[in-house]
N, C-alpha and C. Protein backbone atom coordinates (compact mmCIF):
# COMPACT_ATOMS: atom_id res chain seq x y z
N MET A 1 0.59 -4.36 -15.61
CA MET A 1 0.91 -5.74 -15.33
C MET A 1 0.23 -6.61 -16.37
N THR A 2 0.98 -7.54 -16.93
CA THR A 2 0.42 -8.42 -17.95
C THR A 2 -0.50 -9.44 -17.29
N ASN A 3 -1.37 -10.04 -18.12
CA ASN A 3 -2.28 -11.06 -17.58
C ASN A 3 -1.50 -12.22 -16.97
N GLN A 4 -0.39 -12.61 -17.62
CA GLN A 4 0.43 -13.71 -17.11
C GLN A 4 1.05 -13.35 -15.76
N ALA A 5 1.55 -12.13 -15.64
CA ALA A 5 2.16 -11.68 -14.38
C ALA A 5 1.11 -11.62 -13.29
N GLN A 6 -0.09 -11.13 -13.63
CA GLN A 6 -1.16 -11.05 -12.64
C GLN A 6 -1.59 -12.45 -12.20
N LYS A 7 -1.70 -13.39 -13.15
CA LYS A 7 -2.07 -14.77 -12.80
C LYS A 7 -1.01 -15.37 -11.88
N SER A 8 0.25 -15.11 -12.18
CA SER A 8 1.34 -15.60 -11.35
C SER A 8 1.24 -15.02 -9.94
N ASN A 9 0.94 -13.72 -9.85
CA ASN A 9 0.80 -13.07 -8.56
C ASN A 9 -0.38 -13.63 -7.79
N ILE A 10 -1.49 -13.89 -8.47
CA ILE A 10 -2.67 -14.48 -7.82
C ILE A 10 -2.34 -15.88 -7.32
N ASP A 11 -1.61 -16.66 -8.12
CA ASP A 11 -1.21 -18.00 -7.69
C ASP A 11 -0.31 -17.93 -6.45
N GLN A 12 0.62 -16.97 -6.43
CA GLN A 12 1.48 -16.78 -5.26
C GLN A 12 0.64 -16.38 -4.05
N PHE A 13 -0.33 -15.50 -4.27
CA PHE A 13 -1.21 -15.04 -3.20
C PHE A 13 -1.99 -16.23 -2.61
N LYS A 14 -2.50 -17.08 -3.47
CA LYS A 14 -3.24 -18.28 -3.01
C LYS A 14 -2.33 -19.15 -2.16
N SER A 15 -1.09 -19.29 -2.59
CA SER A 15 -0.13 -20.10 -1.85
C SER A 15 0.17 -19.50 -0.48
N VAL A 16 0.32 -18.18 -0.43
CA VAL A 16 0.58 -17.50 0.85
C VAL A 16 -0.63 -17.66 1.78
N LEU A 17 -1.83 -17.52 1.23
CA LEU A 17 -3.03 -17.72 2.05
C LEU A 17 -3.03 -19.12 2.65
N LYS A 18 -2.69 -20.10 1.83
CA LYS A 18 -2.69 -21.49 2.28
C LYS A 18 -1.70 -21.70 3.42
N THR A 19 -0.53 -21.03 3.35
CA THR A 19 0.46 -21.18 4.43
C THR A 19 -0.06 -20.60 5.74
N HIS A 20 -1.02 -19.69 5.65
CA HIS A 20 -1.62 -19.10 6.86
C HIS A 20 -2.97 -19.74 7.19
N SER A 21 -3.25 -20.88 6.57
CA SER A 21 -4.49 -21.63 6.78
C SER A 21 -5.74 -20.79 6.46
N LEU A 22 -5.64 -19.97 5.43
CA LEU A 22 -6.77 -19.16 4.98
C LEU A 22 -7.21 -19.64 3.61
N LYS A 23 -8.51 -19.61 3.38
CA LYS A 23 -9.05 -20.00 2.08
C LYS A 23 -8.95 -18.83 1.11
N ALA A 24 -8.79 -19.18 -0.15
CA ALA A 24 -8.76 -18.17 -1.22
C ALA A 24 -10.21 -17.89 -1.63
N THR A 25 -10.90 -17.14 -0.78
CA THR A 25 -12.31 -16.83 -1.06
C THR A 25 -12.41 -15.83 -2.21
N PRO A 26 -13.55 -15.78 -2.86
CA PRO A 26 -13.72 -14.79 -3.93
C PRO A 26 -13.48 -13.36 -3.44
N GLN A 27 -13.86 -13.07 -2.20
CA GLN A 27 -13.67 -11.74 -1.65
C GLN A 27 -12.19 -11.43 -1.46
N ARG A 28 -11.43 -12.37 -0.90
CA ARG A 28 -9.99 -12.15 -0.71
C ARG A 28 -9.29 -11.99 -2.05
N LEU A 29 -9.67 -12.81 -3.02
CA LEU A 29 -9.05 -12.71 -4.34
C LEU A 29 -9.39 -11.37 -5.01
N ALA A 30 -10.64 -10.94 -4.87
CA ALA A 30 -11.05 -9.65 -5.45
C ALA A 30 -10.30 -8.49 -4.79
N VAL A 31 -10.13 -8.56 -3.48
CA VAL A 31 -9.38 -7.51 -2.76
C VAL A 31 -7.93 -7.49 -3.25
N HIS A 32 -7.32 -8.66 -3.38
CA HIS A 32 -5.92 -8.70 -3.82
C HIS A 32 -5.78 -8.20 -5.26
N GLU A 33 -6.68 -8.59 -6.13
CA GLU A 33 -6.64 -8.11 -7.52
C GLU A 33 -6.78 -6.58 -7.56
N ALA A 34 -7.66 -6.04 -6.73
CA ALA A 34 -7.82 -4.58 -6.66
C ALA A 34 -6.54 -3.92 -6.15
N MET A 35 -5.94 -4.51 -5.12
CA MET A 35 -4.71 -3.94 -4.57
C MET A 35 -3.56 -3.99 -5.59
N LEU A 36 -3.51 -5.03 -6.41
CA LEU A 36 -2.48 -5.10 -7.44
C LEU A 36 -2.64 -3.95 -8.43
N LYS A 37 -3.87 -3.59 -8.72
CA LYS A 37 -4.13 -2.48 -9.65
C LYS A 37 -3.90 -1.12 -8.99
N LEU A 38 -4.33 -0.99 -7.72
CA LEU A 38 -4.29 0.31 -7.04
C LEU A 38 -2.96 0.60 -6.36
N GLY A 39 -2.29 -0.42 -5.87
CA GLY A 39 -1.00 -0.23 -5.19
C GLY A 39 -1.14 0.24 -3.76
N HIS A 40 -1.66 1.43 -3.56
CA HIS A 40 -1.92 2.00 -2.23
C HIS A 40 -3.40 2.36 -2.23
N ALA A 41 -4.13 1.89 -1.22
CA ALA A 41 -5.56 2.17 -1.25
C ALA A 41 -6.18 2.01 0.14
N SER A 42 -7.29 2.72 0.32
CA SER A 42 -8.10 2.56 1.53
C SER A 42 -9.17 1.50 1.23
N ALA A 43 -9.86 1.06 2.27
CA ALA A 43 -10.93 0.08 2.08
C ALA A 43 -12.01 0.64 1.16
N ASP A 44 -12.31 1.93 1.29
CA ASP A 44 -13.31 2.55 0.41
C ASP A 44 -12.89 2.45 -1.05
N MET A 45 -11.62 2.75 -1.32
CA MET A 45 -11.12 2.73 -2.69
C MET A 45 -11.15 1.31 -3.27
N VAL A 46 -10.76 0.33 -2.46
CA VAL A 46 -10.77 -1.07 -2.91
C VAL A 46 -12.20 -1.53 -3.16
N THR A 47 -13.11 -1.19 -2.26
CA THR A 47 -14.51 -1.56 -2.43
C THR A 47 -15.07 -0.98 -3.72
N GLU A 48 -14.80 0.29 -3.94
CA GLU A 48 -15.28 0.95 -5.17
C GLU A 48 -14.72 0.27 -6.41
N TYR A 49 -13.44 -0.06 -6.38
CA TYR A 49 -12.81 -0.73 -7.52
C TYR A 49 -13.48 -2.08 -7.79
N ILE A 50 -13.69 -2.86 -6.73
CA ILE A 50 -14.30 -4.19 -6.88
C ILE A 50 -15.72 -4.05 -7.43
N GLN A 51 -16.49 -3.12 -6.91
CA GLN A 51 -17.86 -2.94 -7.36
C GLN A 51 -17.95 -2.53 -8.83
N LYS A 52 -16.95 -1.81 -9.32
CA LYS A 52 -16.93 -1.38 -10.72
C LYS A 52 -16.36 -2.45 -11.66
N ASN A 53 -15.44 -3.28 -11.15
CA ASN A 53 -14.67 -4.16 -12.03
C ASN A 53 -14.84 -5.65 -11.77
N SER A 54 -15.72 -6.03 -10.87
CA SER A 54 -15.85 -7.44 -10.53
C SER A 54 -17.30 -7.77 -10.21
N SER A 55 -17.63 -9.03 -10.34
CA SER A 55 -18.99 -9.45 -9.96
C SER A 55 -19.04 -9.90 -8.51
N THR A 56 -17.90 -9.89 -7.82
CA THR A 56 -17.84 -10.30 -6.42
C THR A 56 -18.54 -9.26 -5.55
N LYS A 57 -19.37 -9.73 -4.66
CA LYS A 57 -20.11 -8.84 -3.75
C LYS A 57 -19.29 -8.64 -2.48
N VAL A 58 -19.04 -7.37 -2.15
CA VAL A 58 -18.28 -7.02 -0.95
C VAL A 58 -18.89 -5.78 -0.31
N THR A 59 -18.61 -5.62 0.98
CA THR A 59 -18.97 -4.39 1.69
C THR A 59 -17.67 -3.72 2.12
N VAL A 60 -17.75 -2.46 2.45
CA VAL A 60 -16.57 -1.74 2.93
C VAL A 60 -16.03 -2.43 4.18
N ALA A 61 -16.92 -2.86 5.06
CA ALA A 61 -16.49 -3.51 6.31
C ALA A 61 -15.74 -4.81 6.02
N SER A 62 -16.26 -5.63 5.09
CA SER A 62 -15.57 -6.89 4.79
C SER A 62 -14.22 -6.62 4.13
N VAL A 63 -14.16 -5.63 3.25
CA VAL A 63 -12.89 -5.28 2.60
C VAL A 63 -11.89 -4.79 3.65
N TYR A 64 -12.34 -3.93 4.56
CA TYR A 64 -11.46 -3.42 5.62
C TYR A 64 -10.92 -4.58 6.46
N ASN A 65 -11.79 -5.51 6.83
CA ASN A 65 -11.36 -6.66 7.63
C ASN A 65 -10.34 -7.52 6.88
N ILE A 66 -10.58 -7.74 5.60
CA ILE A 66 -9.65 -8.53 4.80
C ILE A 66 -8.29 -7.82 4.72
N LEU A 67 -8.31 -6.52 4.40
CA LEU A 67 -7.07 -5.76 4.30
C LEU A 67 -6.30 -5.75 5.62
N THR A 68 -7.02 -5.56 6.72
CA THR A 68 -6.39 -5.53 8.04
C THR A 68 -5.76 -6.88 8.36
N ASN A 69 -6.49 -7.95 8.11
CA ASN A 69 -5.95 -9.29 8.38
C ASN A 69 -4.72 -9.57 7.54
N LEU A 70 -4.74 -9.16 6.28
CA LEU A 70 -3.59 -9.38 5.40
C LEU A 70 -2.40 -8.53 5.84
N ALA A 71 -2.66 -7.35 6.38
CA ALA A 71 -1.59 -6.50 6.90
C ALA A 71 -0.99 -7.11 8.16
N VAL A 72 -1.81 -7.64 9.03
CA VAL A 72 -1.32 -8.28 10.26
C VAL A 72 -0.42 -9.46 9.91
N LEU A 73 -0.76 -10.18 8.84
CA LEU A 73 0.05 -11.32 8.40
C LEU A 73 1.31 -10.90 7.66
N GLY A 74 1.43 -9.61 7.33
CA GLY A 74 2.61 -9.11 6.63
C GLY A 74 2.50 -9.20 5.12
N ILE A 75 1.34 -9.57 4.61
CA ILE A 75 1.14 -9.66 3.16
C ILE A 75 1.06 -8.27 2.56
N TYR A 76 0.46 -7.35 3.28
CA TYR A 76 0.43 -5.94 2.92
C TYR A 76 1.01 -5.15 4.09
N HIS A 77 1.32 -3.90 3.84
CA HIS A 77 1.65 -2.96 4.91
C HIS A 77 0.47 -2.00 5.05
N HIS A 78 0.37 -1.40 6.19
CA HIS A 78 -0.69 -0.40 6.37
C HIS A 78 -0.10 0.85 7.00
N ARG A 79 -0.79 1.95 6.77
CA ARG A 79 -0.32 3.23 7.31
C ARG A 79 -1.51 4.15 7.48
N LEU A 80 -1.39 5.00 8.48
CA LEU A 80 -2.42 5.98 8.75
C LEU A 80 -2.02 7.28 8.08
N SER A 81 -2.91 7.81 7.26
CA SER A 81 -2.59 9.03 6.52
C SER A 81 -2.80 10.27 7.38
N ALA A 82 -2.38 11.39 6.84
CA ALA A 82 -2.55 12.67 7.54
C ALA A 82 -4.02 13.04 7.71
N ASN A 83 -4.91 12.43 6.93
CA ASN A 83 -6.34 12.69 7.09
C ASN A 83 -7.00 11.60 7.93
N ASN A 84 -6.18 10.88 8.72
CA ASN A 84 -6.65 9.84 9.65
C ASN A 84 -7.41 8.71 8.98
N LYS A 85 -6.99 8.33 7.80
CA LYS A 85 -7.60 7.21 7.09
C LYS A 85 -6.54 6.13 6.93
N MET A 86 -6.93 4.88 7.10
CA MET A 86 -6.00 3.77 6.96
C MET A 86 -5.84 3.42 5.48
N TYR A 87 -4.59 3.40 5.04
CA TYR A 87 -4.26 3.00 3.68
C TYR A 87 -3.41 1.74 3.74
N PHE A 88 -3.54 0.92 2.72
CA PHE A 88 -2.81 -0.33 2.65
C PHE A 88 -1.90 -0.29 1.43
N ASP A 89 -0.76 -0.98 1.55
CA ASP A 89 0.26 -0.96 0.51
C ASP A 89 0.59 -2.39 0.11
N VAL A 90 0.45 -2.70 -1.15
CA VAL A 90 0.74 -4.03 -1.66
C VAL A 90 2.25 -4.28 -1.74
N ASN A 91 3.04 -3.21 -1.77
CA ASN A 91 4.50 -3.33 -1.86
C ASN A 91 5.10 -3.42 -0.45
N THR A 92 5.68 -4.57 -0.15
CA THR A 92 6.20 -4.77 1.20
C THR A 92 7.73 -4.69 1.25
N PHE A 93 8.37 -4.37 0.13
CA PHE A 93 9.82 -4.20 0.12
C PHE A 93 10.17 -2.85 0.76
N LYS A 94 11.44 -2.65 1.08
CA LYS A 94 11.88 -1.41 1.72
C LYS A 94 11.73 -0.23 0.77
N HIS A 95 10.98 0.75 1.22
CA HIS A 95 10.84 1.99 0.45
C HIS A 95 10.18 3.05 1.32
N PHE A 96 10.26 4.28 0.87
CA PHE A 96 9.63 5.40 1.55
C PHE A 96 8.35 5.75 0.81
N HIS A 97 7.59 6.65 1.39
CA HIS A 97 6.36 7.12 0.74
C HIS A 97 6.31 8.64 0.75
N ILE A 98 5.66 9.17 -0.26
CA ILE A 98 5.26 10.56 -0.22
C ILE A 98 3.74 10.55 -0.24
N TYR A 99 3.18 11.26 0.72
CA TYR A 99 1.72 11.33 0.84
C TYR A 99 1.27 12.69 0.32
N ASP A 100 0.45 12.67 -0.70
CA ASP A 100 -0.13 13.88 -1.29
C ASP A 100 -1.33 14.24 -0.43
N CYS A 101 -1.17 15.27 0.42
CA CYS A 101 -2.22 15.61 1.38
C CYS A 101 -3.37 16.39 0.75
N GLU A 102 -3.24 16.79 -0.51
CA GLU A 102 -4.38 17.42 -1.19
C GLU A 102 -5.28 16.39 -1.85
N ASN A 103 -4.66 15.41 -2.50
CA ASN A 103 -5.42 14.39 -3.23
C ASN A 103 -5.56 13.08 -2.47
N HIS A 104 -4.91 12.99 -1.32
CA HIS A 104 -4.96 11.81 -0.45
C HIS A 104 -4.55 10.55 -1.20
N ILE A 105 -3.34 10.61 -1.76
CA ILE A 105 -2.78 9.44 -2.42
C ILE A 105 -1.32 9.27 -1.98
N TYR A 106 -0.85 8.03 -2.06
CA TYR A 106 0.53 7.70 -1.74
C TYR A 106 1.29 7.37 -3.02
N LYS A 107 2.56 7.69 -3.00
CA LYS A 107 3.46 7.30 -4.09
C LYS A 107 4.69 6.71 -3.44
N ASP A 108 5.22 5.67 -4.06
CA ASP A 108 6.45 5.06 -3.57
C ASP A 108 7.64 5.93 -3.91
N VAL A 109 8.57 6.00 -2.99
CA VAL A 109 9.85 6.68 -3.21
C VAL A 109 10.92 5.63 -2.97
N ILE A 110 11.63 5.26 -4.02
CA ILE A 110 12.65 4.24 -3.90
C ILE A 110 14.01 4.93 -4.02
N ASP A 111 14.73 4.94 -2.90
CA ASP A 111 16.04 5.57 -2.85
C ASP A 111 16.91 4.70 -1.94
N ASN A 112 17.53 3.69 -2.55
CA ASN A 112 18.32 2.73 -1.79
C ASN A 112 19.49 3.38 -1.06
N GLU A 113 20.10 4.38 -1.67
CA GLU A 113 21.22 5.07 -1.04
C GLU A 113 20.77 5.76 0.25
N LEU A 114 19.66 6.46 0.19
CA LEU A 114 19.13 7.13 1.38
C LEU A 114 18.71 6.10 2.43
N GLN A 115 18.07 5.03 2.00
CA GLN A 115 17.65 3.97 2.91
C GLN A 115 18.85 3.41 3.66
N GLU A 116 19.93 3.11 2.94
CA GLU A 116 21.14 2.57 3.56
C GLU A 116 21.77 3.57 4.53
N MET A 117 21.78 4.84 4.13
CA MET A 117 22.35 5.89 4.99
C MET A 117 21.58 5.99 6.31
N ILE A 118 20.27 5.98 6.23
CA ILE A 118 19.43 6.08 7.43
C ILE A 118 19.62 4.85 8.31
N GLU A 119 19.58 3.67 7.70
CA GLU A 119 19.76 2.43 8.47
C GLU A 119 21.12 2.39 9.15
N LYS A 120 22.16 2.80 8.44
CA LYS A 120 23.50 2.81 9.01
C LYS A 120 23.57 3.78 10.19
N HIS A 121 23.02 4.96 10.02
CA HIS A 121 23.02 5.96 11.09
C HIS A 121 22.25 5.46 12.32
N LEU A 122 21.08 4.91 12.08
CA LEU A 122 20.24 4.47 13.21
C LEU A 122 20.77 3.20 13.87
N SER A 123 21.54 2.41 13.13
CA SER A 123 22.08 1.18 13.74
C SER A 123 23.07 1.51 14.86
N LYS A 124 23.63 2.71 14.82
CA LYS A 124 24.58 3.15 15.85
C LYS A 124 23.88 3.78 17.04
N ARG A 125 22.60 4.06 16.91
CA ARG A 125 21.84 4.74 17.97
C ARG A 125 21.12 3.73 18.85
N ARG A 126 20.94 4.09 20.08
CA ARG A 126 20.17 3.29 21.02
C ARG A 126 19.03 4.15 21.52
N PHE A 127 17.85 3.58 21.56
CA PHE A 127 16.66 4.28 22.05
C PHE A 127 16.23 3.56 23.31
N ARG A 128 16.51 4.17 24.42
CA ARG A 128 16.30 3.56 25.73
C ARG A 128 14.88 2.98 25.86
N GLY A 129 14.85 1.70 26.15
CA GLY A 129 13.58 1.02 26.36
C GLY A 129 12.92 0.52 25.07
N TYR A 130 13.59 0.68 23.94
CA TYR A 130 13.00 0.27 22.66
C TYR A 130 14.01 -0.48 21.80
N SER A 131 13.50 -1.43 21.05
CA SER A 131 14.28 -2.02 19.96
C SER A 131 13.52 -1.69 18.68
N ILE A 132 14.23 -1.31 17.67
CA ILE A 132 13.61 -0.87 16.42
C ILE A 132 13.38 -2.09 15.52
N ASP A 133 12.13 -2.28 15.10
CA ASP A 133 11.76 -3.39 14.21
C ASP A 133 12.04 -3.05 12.75
N HIS A 134 11.61 -1.88 12.35
CA HIS A 134 11.85 -1.44 10.97
C HIS A 134 11.68 0.08 10.90
N ILE A 135 12.09 0.61 9.77
CA ILE A 135 12.02 2.06 9.55
C ILE A 135 10.92 2.33 8.53
N ASP A 136 10.06 3.28 8.86
CA ASP A 136 8.94 3.62 7.98
C ASP A 136 8.91 5.15 7.86
N ILE A 137 9.38 5.65 6.73
CA ILE A 137 9.44 7.09 6.54
C ILE A 137 8.39 7.52 5.54
N GLN A 138 7.64 8.54 5.94
CA GLN A 138 6.60 9.10 5.09
C GLN A 138 6.83 10.60 4.94
N LEU A 139 6.94 11.04 3.71
CA LEU A 139 7.05 12.46 3.42
C LEU A 139 5.65 12.96 3.11
N ILE A 140 5.31 14.12 3.58
CA ILE A 140 3.98 14.69 3.33
C ILE A 140 4.15 15.94 2.49
N GLY A 141 3.43 16.01 1.40
CA GLY A 141 3.58 17.15 0.52
C GLY A 141 2.33 17.44 -0.28
N LYS A 142 2.44 18.48 -1.05
CA LYS A 142 1.37 18.89 -1.96
C LYS A 142 1.94 18.90 -3.36
N PRO A 143 1.12 18.62 -4.36
CA PRO A 143 1.63 18.67 -5.73
C PRO A 143 2.05 20.09 -6.10
N THR A 144 3.12 20.15 -6.87
CA THR A 144 3.54 21.46 -7.38
C THR A 144 2.82 21.67 -8.70
N ARG A 145 2.41 22.88 -8.91
CA ARG A 145 1.72 23.21 -10.16
C ARG A 145 2.45 24.37 -10.79
N LYS A 146 2.95 24.14 -11.97
CA LYS A 146 3.61 25.22 -12.69
C LYS A 146 2.55 26.02 -13.42
N LYS A 147 2.56 27.27 -13.19
CA LYS A 147 1.60 28.15 -13.86
C LYS A 147 2.17 28.54 -15.21
N ARG A 148 1.34 28.41 -16.22
CA ARG A 148 1.76 28.78 -17.55
C ARG A 148 1.38 30.23 -17.81
N SER A 149 2.31 30.93 -18.34
CA SER A 149 2.03 32.31 -18.73
C SER A 149 1.34 32.31 -20.07
N SER A 150 0.33 33.11 -20.20
CA SER A 150 -0.33 33.22 -21.52
C SER A 150 0.19 34.45 -22.22
N PHE A 151 0.78 34.21 -23.35
CA PHE A 151 1.35 35.30 -24.13
C PHE A 151 0.48 35.57 -25.34
N SER A 152 0.24 36.80 -25.61
CA SER A 152 -0.49 37.16 -26.81
C SER A 152 0.50 37.49 -27.90
N ALA A 153 0.25 36.98 -29.07
CA ALA A 153 1.18 37.24 -30.18
C ALA A 153 0.79 38.48 -30.92
């Protein structure tokens, strides 16, 4: 992300905070800047990033509270990983995720055709006693490693 794009995103973030009657504190700004760089992250990961790359003082608890509040407001999405850790996602557009259960990282999977197919199929279904707010699909996998053969000449 270019400096201009990041500044624009920070300005948008400040505007969104203002619409929710929240101040653009140094801690909130540092958390958002970290999330822009990390994309998907836990409070521990964001705290570590801020401590390495910013002069803003934060604790894991304050970062977790900020991330949770921003997720409740819909600014971020959150998800519980297979290792029972809460991860936050700066991308709030429709997409799927693949969770790497060995390295504990998320990657976005953007497949509009599949998304439309699933939404179309589910729009015809009724789930007794429930109305569906949105669809959140997470694939869980492990990285594939191709083994190289060593040949002697």
